[in-house]
Amino acid sequence: MPDLKPRIDILIVDADLVSSASIAAAFENNTAATSVLAVHNVNDAKAKLNTGEINALVVDIFSIGVDNGLRLIELVRKEHPSFPICLLGTTSYLHEFPDVPRSWKARFIHYYKIAKDLQPDQLQKSSEAMAYKLFTYWFAISAKVKLSDLRDLLLKMEAKSIPFSVDTTQEIYNTIDFAQKAIEAQIIQQDRMTDIVPGFQGQDM
């Protein structure tokens, strides 16, 4: 099993150079993000996905073209299912989702979102909240994968009557420790974060 580290490396995909720079700066400033990369088209995004440098996607599907954005999200969901995804856009676009098929609008109800037309202090606050949400999402999914892999390993060993090796025992301890930290991160998030969609006021919701 891979030795997953608790980290969140964010890839921002936004064709607008000004807004992408603002979002990147907000994520880089006092958030849970380990690193932040910004690209401006789908091809560069795919190239970054293949490097293993990132594990979270923040994308403005409206700036890169809705069809391109939806295909990129489908690719991430297929090839990197543990990656959290956050939608970027103006407040009105994230409310209305213009040119987005109805089936996708229904799916997007459950996605993280940040409105990028906020005042700088509001954008910073939303980015700080979002970075931690992305981190705990990835942490929880990764822990689930590690526990599932460990269960499969133990079942195979039991079926073949293979005794535990030192490496297997250590892997069990490491996986349990990883899962415990993921649970602790989720609890901390529940205590700290009360908003559902950072960047939106109650009346907007």
N, C-alpha and C. Protein backbone atom coordinates (compact mmCIF):
# COMPACT_ATOMS: atom_id res chain seq x y z
N MET A 1 0.83 -1.19 0.00
CA MET A 1 0.00 0.00 0.00
C MET A 1 0.88 1.25 0.00
N PRO A 2 0.47 2.32 -0.69
CA PRO A 2 1.28 3.54 -0.73
C PRO A 2 1.34 4.19 0.64
N ASP A 3 2.46 4.85 0.93
CA ASP A 3 2.64 5.54 2.20
C ASP A 3 2.08 6.94 2.07
N LEU A 4 0.76 7.09 2.23
CA LEU A 4 0.11 8.37 2.05
C LEU A 4 0.47 9.31 3.19
N LYS A 5 0.74 10.57 2.84
CA LYS A 5 1.04 11.57 3.84
C LYS A 5 -0.14 12.53 3.97
N PRO A 6 -0.42 12.98 5.21
CA PRO A 6 -1.48 13.96 5.39
C PRO A 6 -1.09 15.30 4.77
N ARG A 7 -1.61 15.61 3.60
CA ARG A 7 -1.24 16.83 2.89
C ARG A 7 -2.39 17.22 1.98
N ILE A 8 -2.41 18.47 1.58
CA ILE A 8 -3.36 18.87 0.56
C ILE A 8 -2.64 19.83 -0.39
N ASP A 9 -2.44 19.38 -1.61
CA ASP A 9 -1.77 20.15 -2.65
C ASP A 9 -2.81 20.50 -3.71
N ILE A 10 -3.13 21.78 -3.81
CA ILE A 10 -4.28 22.23 -4.57
C ILE A 10 -3.89 22.66 -5.98
N LEU A 11 -4.66 22.18 -6.96
CA LEU A 11 -4.52 22.63 -8.34
C LEU A 11 -5.69 23.54 -8.67
N ILE A 12 -5.40 24.78 -9.05
CA ILE A 12 -6.42 25.74 -9.46
C ILE A 12 -6.44 25.78 -10.98
N VAL A 13 -7.62 25.60 -11.57
CA VAL A 13 -7.78 25.67 -13.02
C VAL A 13 -8.75 26.81 -13.32
N ASP A 14 -8.22 27.89 -13.88
CA ASP A 14 -9.01 29.10 -14.13
C ASP A 14 -8.35 29.85 -15.28
N ALA A 15 -9.10 30.09 -16.34
CA ALA A 15 -8.54 30.79 -17.51
C ALA A 15 -8.29 32.26 -17.23
N ASP A 16 -8.90 32.80 -16.20
CA ASP A 16 -8.72 34.20 -15.83
C ASP A 16 -7.45 34.32 -15.00
N LEU A 17 -6.40 34.91 -15.56
CA LEU A 17 -5.12 35.00 -14.87
C LEU A 17 -5.20 35.82 -13.59
N VAL A 18 -6.00 36.88 -13.61
CA VAL A 18 -6.10 37.75 -12.44
C VAL A 18 -6.79 37.04 -11.29
N SER A 19 -7.94 36.44 -11.56
CA SER A 19 -8.68 35.77 -10.48
C SER A 19 -7.94 34.54 -9.99
N SER A 20 -7.29 33.80 -10.89
CA SER A 20 -6.55 32.61 -10.46
C SER A 20 -5.40 32.99 -9.54
N ALA A 21 -4.76 34.12 -9.84
CA ALA A 21 -3.67 34.59 -8.98
C ALA A 21 -4.20 34.98 -7.60
N SER A 22 -5.37 35.62 -7.57
CA SER A 22 -5.98 36.03 -6.30
C SER A 22 -6.36 34.81 -5.47
N ILE A 23 -6.96 33.81 -6.13
CA ILE A 23 -7.36 32.60 -5.42
C ILE A 23 -6.13 31.86 -4.90
N ALA A 24 -5.11 31.75 -5.74
CA ALA A 24 -3.88 31.07 -5.32
C ALA A 24 -3.26 31.76 -4.12
N ALA A 25 -3.21 33.09 -4.16
CA ALA A 25 -2.63 33.85 -3.05
C ALA A 25 -3.43 33.64 -1.76
N ALA A 26 -4.75 33.58 -1.90
CA ALA A 26 -5.60 33.36 -0.73
C ALA A 26 -5.36 31.98 -0.13
N PHE A 27 -5.23 30.97 -0.99
CA PHE A 27 -4.97 29.62 -0.48
C PHE A 27 -3.58 29.50 0.13
N GLU A 28 -2.62 30.23 -0.41
CA GLU A 28 -1.25 30.13 0.09
C GLU A 28 -1.06 30.85 1.42
N ASN A 29 -1.99 31.74 1.77
CA ASN A 29 -1.83 32.59 2.94
C ASN A 29 -2.59 32.02 4.13
N ASN A 30 -1.87 31.39 5.06
CA ASN A 30 -2.45 30.93 6.32
C ASN A 30 -3.60 29.94 6.15
N THR A 31 -3.46 28.97 5.26
CA THR A 31 -4.47 27.93 5.13
C THR A 31 -3.81 26.57 5.36
N ALA A 32 -4.64 25.53 5.29
CA ALA A 32 -4.14 24.17 5.48
C ALA A 32 -3.42 23.64 4.24
N ALA A 33 -3.40 24.41 3.16
CA ALA A 33 -2.79 23.93 1.91
C ALA A 33 -1.28 23.76 2.07
N THR A 34 -0.78 22.61 1.61
CA THR A 34 0.66 22.36 1.60
C THR A 34 1.31 23.09 0.43
N SER A 35 0.65 23.06 -0.72
CA SER A 35 1.14 23.79 -1.89
C SER A 35 -0.04 24.14 -2.79
N VAL A 36 0.17 25.13 -3.65
CA VAL A 36 -0.87 25.58 -4.56
C VAL A 36 -0.26 25.80 -5.94
N LEU A 37 -0.88 25.19 -6.96
CA LEU A 37 -0.47 25.39 -8.35
C LEU A 37 -1.65 25.95 -9.12
N ALA A 38 -1.38 26.84 -10.07
CA ALA A 38 -2.45 27.41 -10.89
C ALA A 38 -2.12 27.21 -12.37
N VAL A 39 -3.10 26.69 -13.12
CA VAL A 39 -2.97 26.56 -14.57
C VAL A 39 -4.21 27.19 -15.20
N HIS A 40 -4.14 27.40 -16.52
CA HIS A 40 -5.18 28.20 -17.16
C HIS A 40 -5.91 27.49 -18.29
N ASN A 41 -5.65 26.20 -18.47
CA ASN A 41 -6.37 25.44 -19.48
C ASN A 41 -6.40 23.96 -19.09
N VAL A 42 -7.23 23.21 -19.78
CA VAL A 42 -7.45 21.81 -19.44
C VAL A 42 -6.21 20.96 -19.70
N ASN A 43 -5.52 21.21 -20.79
CA ASN A 43 -4.33 20.41 -21.11
C ASN A 43 -3.28 20.51 -20.02
N ASP A 44 -3.03 21.73 -19.54
CA ASP A 44 -2.05 21.89 -18.47
C ASP A 44 -2.56 21.23 -17.18
N ALA A 45 -3.86 21.29 -16.96
CA ALA A 45 -4.44 20.64 -15.77
C ALA A 45 -4.21 19.14 -15.82
N LYS A 46 -4.46 18.53 -16.99
CA LYS A 46 -4.26 17.09 -17.12
C LYS A 46 -2.80 16.71 -16.90
N ALA A 47 -1.89 17.55 -17.41
CA ALA A 47 -0.47 17.28 -17.24
C ALA A 47 -0.10 17.29 -15.75
N LYS A 48 -0.64 18.24 -15.01
CA LYS A 48 -0.35 18.32 -13.58
C LYS A 48 -0.95 17.13 -12.83
N LEU A 49 -2.13 16.71 -13.25
CA LEU A 49 -2.77 15.56 -12.60
C LEU A 49 -1.90 14.31 -12.73
N ASN A 50 -1.20 14.21 -13.83
CA ASN A 50 -0.39 13.01 -14.10
C ASN A 50 0.94 13.01 -13.36
N THR A 51 1.33 14.15 -12.78
CA THR A 51 2.63 14.22 -12.12
C THR A 51 2.58 13.72 -10.68
N GLY A 52 1.38 13.63 -10.11
CA GLY A 52 1.27 13.24 -8.72
C GLY A 52 1.59 14.36 -7.75
N GLU A 53 1.67 15.59 -8.25
CA GLU A 53 2.03 16.73 -7.40
C GLU A 53 0.84 17.29 -6.63
N ILE A 54 -0.38 16.94 -7.02
CA ILE A 54 -1.55 17.55 -6.39
C ILE A 54 -2.54 16.47 -5.97
N ASN A 55 -3.43 16.83 -5.06
CA ASN A 55 -4.47 15.89 -4.65
C ASN A 55 -5.79 16.59 -4.35
N ALA A 56 -5.97 17.79 -4.91
CA ALA A 56 -7.25 18.50 -4.79
C ALA A 56 -7.41 19.42 -5.99
N LEU A 57 -8.65 19.56 -6.47
CA LEU A 57 -8.93 20.36 -7.67
C LEU A 57 -9.89 21.49 -7.31
N VAL A 58 -9.50 22.71 -7.70
CA VAL A 58 -10.36 23.89 -7.59
C VAL A 58 -10.50 24.44 -9.01
N VAL A 59 -11.71 24.42 -9.57
CA VAL A 59 -11.86 24.69 -11.00
C VAL A 59 -13.01 25.64 -11.28
N ASP A 60 -12.75 26.58 -12.19
CA ASP A 60 -13.79 27.46 -12.72
C ASP A 60 -14.19 26.90 -14.08
N ILE A 61 -15.26 26.14 -14.12
CA ILE A 61 -15.69 25.51 -15.38
C ILE A 61 -16.21 26.55 -16.36
N PHE A 62 -16.62 27.70 -15.86
CA PHE A 62 -17.17 28.73 -16.73
C PHE A 62 -16.06 29.44 -17.51
N SER A 63 -14.92 29.64 -16.88
CA SER A 63 -13.82 30.34 -17.56
C SER A 63 -13.13 29.46 -18.60
N ILE A 64 -13.06 28.15 -18.36
CA ILE A 64 -12.38 27.25 -19.31
C ILE A 64 -13.36 26.63 -20.30
N GLY A 65 -14.64 26.96 -20.17
CA GLY A 65 -15.67 26.37 -21.03
C GLY A 65 -16.37 25.25 -20.28
N VAL A 66 -17.68 25.32 -20.21
CA VAL A 66 -18.43 24.36 -19.41
C VAL A 66 -18.16 22.92 -19.84
N ASP A 67 -18.18 22.65 -21.14
CA ASP A 67 -17.95 21.27 -21.61
C ASP A 67 -16.57 20.78 -21.20
N ASN A 68 -15.56 21.65 -21.37
CA ASN A 68 -14.20 21.27 -20.97
C ASN A 68 -14.13 21.03 -19.47
N GLY A 69 -14.79 21.88 -18.71
CA GLY A 69 -14.76 21.75 -17.26
C GLY A 69 -15.42 20.47 -16.78
N LEU A 70 -16.55 20.12 -17.39
CA LEU A 70 -17.24 18.90 -16.99
C LEU A 70 -16.43 17.66 -17.34
N ARG A 71 -15.76 17.69 -18.50
CA ARG A 71 -14.92 16.54 -18.87
C ARG A 71 -13.74 16.41 -17.91
N LEU A 72 -13.19 17.55 -17.48
CA LEU A 72 -12.08 17.50 -16.53
C LEU A 72 -12.53 16.91 -15.20
N ILE A 73 -13.70 17.32 -14.73
CA ILE A 73 -14.23 16.78 -13.48
C ILE A 73 -14.49 15.28 -13.61
N GLU A 74 -15.04 14.86 -14.74
CA GLU A 74 -15.27 13.42 -14.96
C GLU A 74 -13.95 12.66 -14.92
N LEU A 75 -12.92 13.23 -15.52
CA LEU A 75 -11.60 12.58 -15.53
C LEU A 75 -11.07 12.42 -14.11
N VAL A 76 -11.18 13.47 -13.31
CA VAL A 76 -10.68 13.41 -11.93
C VAL A 76 -11.48 12.40 -11.13
N ARG A 77 -12.79 12.40 -11.27
CA ARG A 77 -13.62 11.44 -10.55
C ARG A 77 -13.28 10.01 -10.92
N LYS A 78 -12.91 9.78 -12.19
CA LYS A 78 -12.59 8.43 -12.65
C LYS A 78 -11.20 7.99 -12.23
N GLU A 79 -10.21 8.85 -12.45
CA GLU A 79 -8.82 8.45 -12.23
C GLU A 79 -8.29 8.80 -10.85
N HIS A 80 -8.91 9.76 -10.19
CA HIS A 80 -8.45 10.19 -8.86
C HIS A 80 -9.65 10.36 -7.94
N PRO A 81 -10.35 9.29 -7.62
CA PRO A 81 -11.61 9.39 -6.86
C PRO A 81 -11.46 9.96 -5.46
N SER A 82 -10.26 9.94 -4.91
CA SER A 82 -10.08 10.48 -3.56
C SER A 82 -9.87 11.99 -3.56
N PHE A 83 -9.69 12.59 -4.74
CA PHE A 83 -9.43 14.03 -4.81
C PHE A 83 -10.71 14.82 -4.53
N PRO A 84 -10.70 15.76 -3.59
CA PRO A 84 -11.84 16.65 -3.43
C PRO A 84 -11.86 17.68 -4.55
N ILE A 85 -13.07 18.13 -4.91
CA ILE A 85 -13.24 19.11 -5.98
C ILE A 85 -14.04 20.29 -5.46
N CYS A 86 -13.55 21.48 -5.74
CA CYS A 86 -14.24 22.71 -5.37
C CYS A 86 -14.51 23.51 -6.65
N LEU A 87 -15.73 24.02 -6.78
CA LEU A 87 -16.11 24.82 -7.94
C LEU A 87 -15.87 26.29 -7.66
N LEU A 88 -15.25 26.95 -8.63
CA LEU A 88 -15.04 28.39 -8.59
C LEU A 88 -16.02 29.09 -9.52
N GLY A 89 -16.31 30.34 -9.24
CA GLY A 89 -17.15 31.11 -10.14
C GLY A 89 -17.68 32.34 -9.43
N THR A 90 -18.28 33.23 -10.16
CA THR A 90 -18.92 34.37 -9.52
C THR A 90 -20.13 33.88 -8.73
N THR A 91 -20.58 34.70 -7.82
CA THR A 91 -21.74 34.33 -7.01
C THR A 91 -22.94 33.97 -7.88
N SER A 92 -23.21 34.78 -8.90
CA SER A 92 -24.37 34.53 -9.76
C SER A 92 -24.19 33.24 -10.56
N TYR A 93 -23.00 32.98 -11.06
CA TYR A 93 -22.77 31.76 -11.83
C TYR A 93 -22.93 30.52 -10.97
N LEU A 94 -22.47 30.59 -9.72
CA LEU A 94 -22.59 29.44 -8.83
C LEU A 94 -24.02 29.25 -8.34
N HIS A 95 -24.85 30.26 -8.49
CA HIS A 95 -26.27 30.12 -8.18
C HIS A 95 -27.04 29.55 -9.35
N GLU A 96 -26.73 30.05 -10.54
CA GLU A 96 -27.54 29.71 -11.72
C GLU A 96 -26.95 28.57 -12.56
N PHE A 97 -25.62 28.40 -12.55
CA PHE A 97 -24.94 27.41 -13.37
C PHE A 97 -25.40 27.49 -14.84
N PRO A 98 -25.18 28.62 -15.49
CA PRO A 98 -25.60 28.78 -16.89
C PRO A 98 -24.91 27.78 -17.81
N ASP A 99 -25.67 27.22 -18.74
CA ASP A 99 -25.18 26.27 -19.76
C ASP A 99 -24.76 24.92 -19.18
N VAL A 100 -25.02 24.69 -17.90
CA VAL A 100 -24.69 23.41 -17.27
C VAL A 100 -25.92 22.50 -17.35
N PRO A 101 -25.77 21.28 -17.87
CA PRO A 101 -26.91 20.35 -17.96
C PRO A 101 -27.56 20.12 -16.60
N ARG A 102 -28.86 19.84 -16.63
CA ARG A 102 -29.62 19.67 -15.40
C ARG A 102 -29.04 18.57 -14.52
N SER A 103 -28.59 17.47 -15.14
CA SER A 103 -28.05 16.37 -14.34
C SER A 103 -26.81 16.80 -13.56
N TRP A 104 -26.00 17.65 -14.18
CA TRP A 104 -24.81 18.15 -13.51
C TRP A 104 -25.17 19.15 -12.42
N LYS A 105 -26.18 19.96 -12.68
CA LYS A 105 -26.61 20.91 -11.64
C LYS A 105 -27.01 20.16 -10.38
N ALA A 106 -27.69 19.03 -10.55
CA ALA A 106 -28.09 18.22 -9.40
C ALA A 106 -26.87 17.69 -8.66
N ARG A 107 -25.87 17.25 -9.40
CA ARG A 107 -24.64 16.75 -8.78
C ARG A 107 -23.90 17.85 -8.03
N PHE A 108 -23.90 19.03 -8.63
CA PHE A 108 -23.13 20.13 -8.05
C PHE A 108 -23.69 20.66 -6.74
N ILE A 109 -24.90 20.27 -6.41
CA ILE A 109 -25.47 20.67 -5.12
C ILE A 109 -24.56 20.22 -3.98
N HIS A 110 -23.91 19.07 -4.17
CA HIS A 110 -23.10 18.48 -3.11
C HIS A 110 -21.62 18.86 -3.20
N TYR A 111 -21.25 19.67 -4.18
CA TYR A 111 -19.85 20.04 -4.35
C TYR A 111 -19.50 21.24 -3.47
N TYR A 112 -18.21 21.32 -3.10
CA TYR A 112 -17.71 22.51 -2.44
C TYR A 112 -17.72 23.66 -3.46
N LYS A 113 -17.89 24.88 -2.97
CA LYS A 113 -17.93 26.04 -3.86
C LYS A 113 -17.28 27.25 -3.19
N ILE A 114 -16.62 28.08 -4.01
CA ILE A 114 -16.12 29.38 -3.56
C ILE A 114 -16.49 30.42 -4.61
N ALA A 115 -17.14 31.48 -4.17
CA ALA A 115 -17.42 32.62 -5.06
C ALA A 115 -16.16 33.47 -5.13
N LYS A 116 -15.69 33.74 -6.33
CA LYS A 116 -14.42 34.46 -6.45
C LYS A 116 -14.60 35.97 -6.60
N ASP A 117 -15.84 36.45 -6.56
CA ASP A 117 -16.07 37.88 -6.63
C ASP A 117 -16.34 38.45 -5.23
N LEU A 118 -15.64 37.92 -4.24
CA LEU A 118 -15.76 38.40 -2.88
C LEU A 118 -14.73 39.49 -2.61
N GLN A 119 -14.95 40.23 -1.55
CA GLN A 119 -13.94 41.18 -1.09
C GLN A 119 -12.73 40.39 -0.60
N PRO A 120 -11.53 40.99 -0.68
CA PRO A 120 -10.31 40.24 -0.31
C PRO A 120 -10.37 39.57 1.05
N ASP A 121 -10.90 40.25 2.07
CA ASP A 121 -10.95 39.64 3.39
C ASP A 121 -11.92 38.47 3.43
N GLN A 122 -13.03 38.58 2.70
CA GLN A 122 -13.99 37.48 2.64
C GLN A 122 -13.42 36.31 1.86
N LEU A 123 -12.69 36.62 0.79
CA LEU A 123 -12.07 35.56 -0.01
C LEU A 123 -11.03 34.81 0.80
N GLN A 124 -10.26 35.53 1.60
CA GLN A 124 -9.27 34.88 2.46
C GLN A 124 -9.94 33.97 3.47
N LYS A 125 -11.01 34.45 4.09
CA LYS A 125 -11.72 33.64 5.08
C LYS A 125 -12.31 32.39 4.44
N SER A 126 -12.91 32.55 3.26
CA SER A 126 -13.48 31.39 2.57
C SER A 126 -12.41 30.40 2.17
N SER A 127 -11.27 30.89 1.72
CA SER A 127 -10.18 30.01 1.31
C SER A 127 -9.62 29.24 2.48
N GLU A 128 -9.51 29.89 3.63
CA GLU A 128 -9.02 29.19 4.82
C GLU A 128 -9.97 28.05 5.21
N ALA A 129 -11.28 28.34 5.17
CA ALA A 129 -12.26 27.30 5.48
C ALA A 129 -12.22 26.18 4.45
N MET A 130 -12.14 26.56 3.17
CA MET A 130 -12.17 25.57 2.11
C MET A 130 -10.93 24.68 2.12
N ALA A 131 -9.77 25.25 2.35
CA ALA A 131 -8.54 24.45 2.38
C ALA A 131 -8.65 23.33 3.40
N TYR A 132 -9.24 23.64 4.56
CA TYR A 132 -9.37 22.62 5.58
C TYR A 132 -10.42 21.59 5.20
N LYS A 133 -11.48 22.02 4.54
CA LYS A 133 -12.50 21.07 4.08
C LYS A 133 -11.90 20.11 3.05
N LEU A 134 -11.11 20.65 2.11
CA LEU A 134 -10.48 19.82 1.10
C LEU A 134 -9.53 18.82 1.76
N PHE A 135 -8.78 19.31 2.75
CA PHE A 135 -7.83 18.46 3.45
C PHE A 135 -8.53 17.30 4.17
N THR A 136 -9.58 17.60 4.92
CA THR A 136 -10.25 16.55 5.68
C THR A 136 -10.99 15.58 4.77
N TYR A 137 -11.50 16.07 3.63
CA TYR A 137 -12.14 15.17 2.67
C TYR A 137 -11.12 14.17 2.14
N TRP A 138 -9.99 14.68 1.68
CA TRP A 138 -8.95 13.78 1.14
C TRP A 138 -8.46 12.82 2.22
N PHE A 139 -8.27 13.33 3.43
CA PHE A 139 -7.79 12.52 4.54
C PHE A 139 -8.74 11.36 4.81
N ALA A 140 -10.05 11.67 4.86
CA ALA A 140 -11.04 10.64 5.17
C ALA A 140 -11.13 9.58 4.09
N ILE A 141 -11.16 10.01 2.83
CA ILE A 141 -11.24 9.05 1.72
C ILE A 141 -9.99 8.19 1.66
N SER A 142 -8.83 8.80 1.87
CA SER A 142 -7.57 8.06 1.83
C SER A 142 -7.51 7.03 2.95
N ALA A 143 -8.01 7.41 4.14
CA ALA A 143 -8.05 6.47 5.25
C ALA A 143 -8.96 5.29 4.93
N LYS A 144 -10.09 5.58 4.30
CA LYS A 144 -11.02 4.51 3.92
C LYS A 144 -10.36 3.54 2.95
N VAL A 145 -9.61 4.09 1.99
CA VAL A 145 -8.92 3.24 1.01
C VAL A 145 -7.87 2.37 1.71
N LYS A 146 -7.09 2.98 2.60
CA LYS A 146 -6.05 2.23 3.30
C LYS A 146 -6.66 1.11 4.17
N LEU A 147 -7.76 1.41 4.83
CA LEU A 147 -8.41 0.38 5.65
C LEU A 147 -8.96 -0.75 4.79
N SER A 148 -9.51 -0.40 3.64
CA SER A 148 -10.03 -1.41 2.73
C SER A 148 -8.91 -2.30 2.20
N ASP A 149 -7.79 -1.67 1.83
CA ASP A 149 -6.63 -2.43 1.34
C ASP A 149 -6.09 -3.36 2.43
N LEU A 150 -6.05 -2.85 3.66
CA LEU A 150 -5.55 -3.66 4.76
C LEU A 150 -6.46 -4.85 5.03
N ARG A 151 -7.77 -4.62 4.98
CA ARG A 151 -8.72 -5.72 5.16
C ARG A 151 -8.50 -6.79 4.11
N ASP A 152 -8.33 -6.39 2.85
CA ASP A 152 -8.11 -7.37 1.78
C ASP A 152 -6.83 -8.16 2.02
N LEU A 153 -5.79 -7.45 2.48
CA LEU A 153 -4.52 -8.12 2.76
C LEU A 153 -4.68 -9.17 3.87
N LEU A 154 -5.37 -8.79 4.92
CA LEU A 154 -5.55 -9.71 6.05
C LEU A 154 -6.40 -10.92 5.65
N LEU A 155 -7.41 -10.70 4.83
CA LEU A 155 -8.24 -11.81 4.36
C LEU A 155 -7.43 -12.79 3.52
N LYS A 156 -6.56 -12.26 2.66
CA LYS A 156 -5.71 -13.13 1.84
C LYS A 156 -4.75 -13.93 2.71
N MET A 157 -4.18 -13.26 3.71
CA MET A 157 -3.25 -13.95 4.60
C MET A 157 -3.96 -15.04 5.39
N GLU A 158 -5.17 -14.74 5.83
CA GLU A 158 -5.94 -15.73 6.58
C GLU A 158 -6.29 -16.93 5.71
N ALA A 159 -6.68 -16.66 4.45
CA ALA A 159 -7.05 -17.74 3.54
C ALA A 159 -5.88 -18.67 3.25
N LYS A 160 -4.67 -18.09 3.22
CA LYS A 160 -3.48 -18.88 2.90
C LYS A 160 -2.69 -19.28 4.15
N SER A 161 -3.26 -18.96 5.32
CA SER A 161 -2.60 -19.28 6.60
C SER A 161 -1.18 -18.72 6.66
N ILE A 162 -1.04 -17.49 6.19
CA ILE A 162 0.27 -16.83 6.21
C ILE A 162 0.42 -16.08 7.53
N PRO A 163 1.47 -16.32 8.29
CA PRO A 163 1.66 -15.61 9.57
C PRO A 163 2.02 -14.13 9.33
N PHE A 164 1.72 -13.31 10.32
CA PHE A 164 2.05 -11.89 10.23
C PHE A 164 3.56 -11.71 10.24
N SER A 165 4.03 -10.91 9.32
CA SER A 165 5.44 -10.53 9.31
C SER A 165 5.58 -9.21 10.07
N VAL A 166 6.82 -8.81 10.31
CA VAL A 166 7.08 -7.52 10.96
C VAL A 166 6.53 -6.39 10.11
N ASP A 167 6.70 -6.49 8.80
CA ASP A 167 6.22 -5.44 7.89
C ASP A 167 4.69 -5.34 7.92
N THR A 168 4.03 -6.49 7.96
CA THR A 168 2.56 -6.48 8.01
C THR A 168 2.06 -5.87 9.31
N THR A 169 2.70 -6.23 10.41
CA THR A 169 2.32 -5.67 11.70
C THR A 169 2.50 -4.16 11.71
N GLN A 170 3.61 -3.70 11.16
CA GLN A 170 3.86 -2.26 11.11
C GLN A 170 2.84 -1.56 10.22
N GLU A 171 2.46 -2.22 9.12
CA GLU A 171 1.45 -1.65 8.23
C GLU A 171 0.11 -1.51 8.93
N ILE A 172 -0.22 -2.47 9.76
CA ILE A 172 -1.47 -2.39 10.54
C ILE A 172 -1.43 -1.19 11.47
N TYR A 173 -0.32 -1.02 12.19
CA TYR A 173 -0.19 0.12 13.10
C TYR A 173 -0.26 1.44 12.33
N ASN A 174 0.43 1.50 11.19
CA ASN A 174 0.46 2.74 10.40
C ASN A 174 -0.94 3.10 9.89
N THR A 175 -1.68 2.08 9.43
CA THR A 175 -3.01 2.32 8.90
C THR A 175 -3.97 2.78 9.99
N ILE A 176 -3.88 2.15 11.15
CA ILE A 176 -4.73 2.55 12.27
C ILE A 176 -4.42 3.99 12.69
N ASP A 177 -3.14 4.32 12.74
CA ASP A 177 -2.73 5.68 13.10
C ASP A 177 -3.25 6.69 12.09
N PHE A 178 -3.13 6.35 10.80
CA PHE A 178 -3.61 7.23 9.74
C PHE A 178 -5.11 7.45 9.87
N ALA A 179 -5.85 6.37 10.09
CA ALA A 179 -7.30 6.47 10.21
C ALA A 179 -7.71 7.28 11.43
N GLN A 180 -7.01 7.10 12.54
CA GLN A 180 -7.31 7.88 13.75
C GLN A 180 -7.10 9.37 13.51
N LYS A 181 -6.03 9.72 12.81
CA LYS A 181 -5.76 11.13 12.52
C LYS A 181 -6.84 11.71 11.59
N ALA A 182 -7.31 10.89 10.65
CA ALA A 182 -8.37 11.34 9.75
C ALA A 182 -9.65 11.62 10.53
N ILE A 183 -9.98 10.76 11.47
CA ILE A 183 -11.16 10.96 12.31
C ILE A 183 -11.01 12.22 13.15
N GLU A 184 -9.83 12.42 13.73
CA GLU A 184 -9.59 13.61 14.54
C GLU A 184 -9.73 14.88 13.70
N ALA A 185 -9.23 14.84 12.46
CA ALA A 185 -9.34 16.00 11.57
C ALA A 185 -10.79 16.31 11.25
N GLN A 186 -11.60 15.27 11.05
CA GLN A 186 -13.02 15.47 10.78
C GLN A 186 -13.71 16.10 11.99
N ILE A 187 -13.38 15.66 13.18
CA ILE A 187 -13.98 16.21 14.39
C ILE A 187 -13.61 17.68 14.56
N ILE A 188 -12.34 17.99 14.31
CA ILE A 188 -11.90 19.38 14.41
C ILE A 188 -12.63 20.25 13.41
N GLN A 189 -12.82 19.72 12.19
CA GLN A 189 -13.53 20.49 11.18
C GLN A 189 -14.96 20.77 11.62
N GLN A 190 -15.63 19.77 12.16
CA GLN A 190 -17.01 19.95 12.61
C GLN A 190 -17.10 21.02 13.69
N ASP A 191 -16.07 21.10 14.53
CA ASP A 191 -16.07 22.10 15.60
C ASP A 191 -15.78 23.50 15.05
N ARG A 192 -14.93 23.57 14.01
CA ARG A 192 -14.47 24.86 13.52
C ARG A 192 -15.36 25.43 12.43
N MET A 193 -15.92 24.58 11.56
CA MET A 193 -16.62 25.05 10.37
C MET A 193 -18.13 24.89 10.53
N THR A 194 -18.83 25.99 10.49
CA THR A 194 -20.28 25.93 10.60
C THR A 194 -20.98 26.25 9.29
N ASP A 195 -20.24 26.82 8.30
CA ASP A 195 -20.85 27.17 7.02
C ASP A 195 -20.86 25.97 6.10
N ILE A 196 -21.89 25.88 5.25
CA ILE A 196 -22.00 24.79 4.28
C ILE A 196 -21.21 25.12 3.02
N VAL A 197 -21.40 26.35 2.53
CA VAL A 197 -20.71 26.79 1.32
C VAL A 197 -19.97 28.07 1.63
N PRO A 198 -18.65 28.02 1.88
CA PRO A 198 -17.91 29.22 2.22
C PRO A 198 -18.06 30.29 1.14
N GLY A 199 -18.21 31.53 1.58
CA GLY A 199 -18.32 32.64 0.64
C GLY A 199 -19.74 33.06 0.36
N PHE A 200 -20.73 32.31 0.87
CA PHE A 200 -22.13 32.64 0.65
C PHE A 200 -22.77 33.08 1.96
N GLN A 201 -23.61 34.09 1.88
CA GLN A 201 -24.36 34.52 3.04
C GLN A 201 -25.64 33.70 3.14
N GLY A 202 -26.28 33.73 4.29
CA GLY A 202 -27.49 32.95 4.51
C GLY A 202 -28.57 33.28 3.51
N GLN A 203 -28.73 34.59 3.20
CA GLN A 203 -29.77 34.96 2.26
C GLN A 203 -29.48 34.46 0.85
N ASP A 204 -28.19 34.31 0.52
CA ASP A 204 -27.82 33.77 -0.79
C ASP A 204 -28.25 32.32 -0.91
N MET A 205 -28.04 31.54 0.19
CA MET A 205 -28.42 30.14 0.17
C MET A 205 -29.92 30.00 0.02
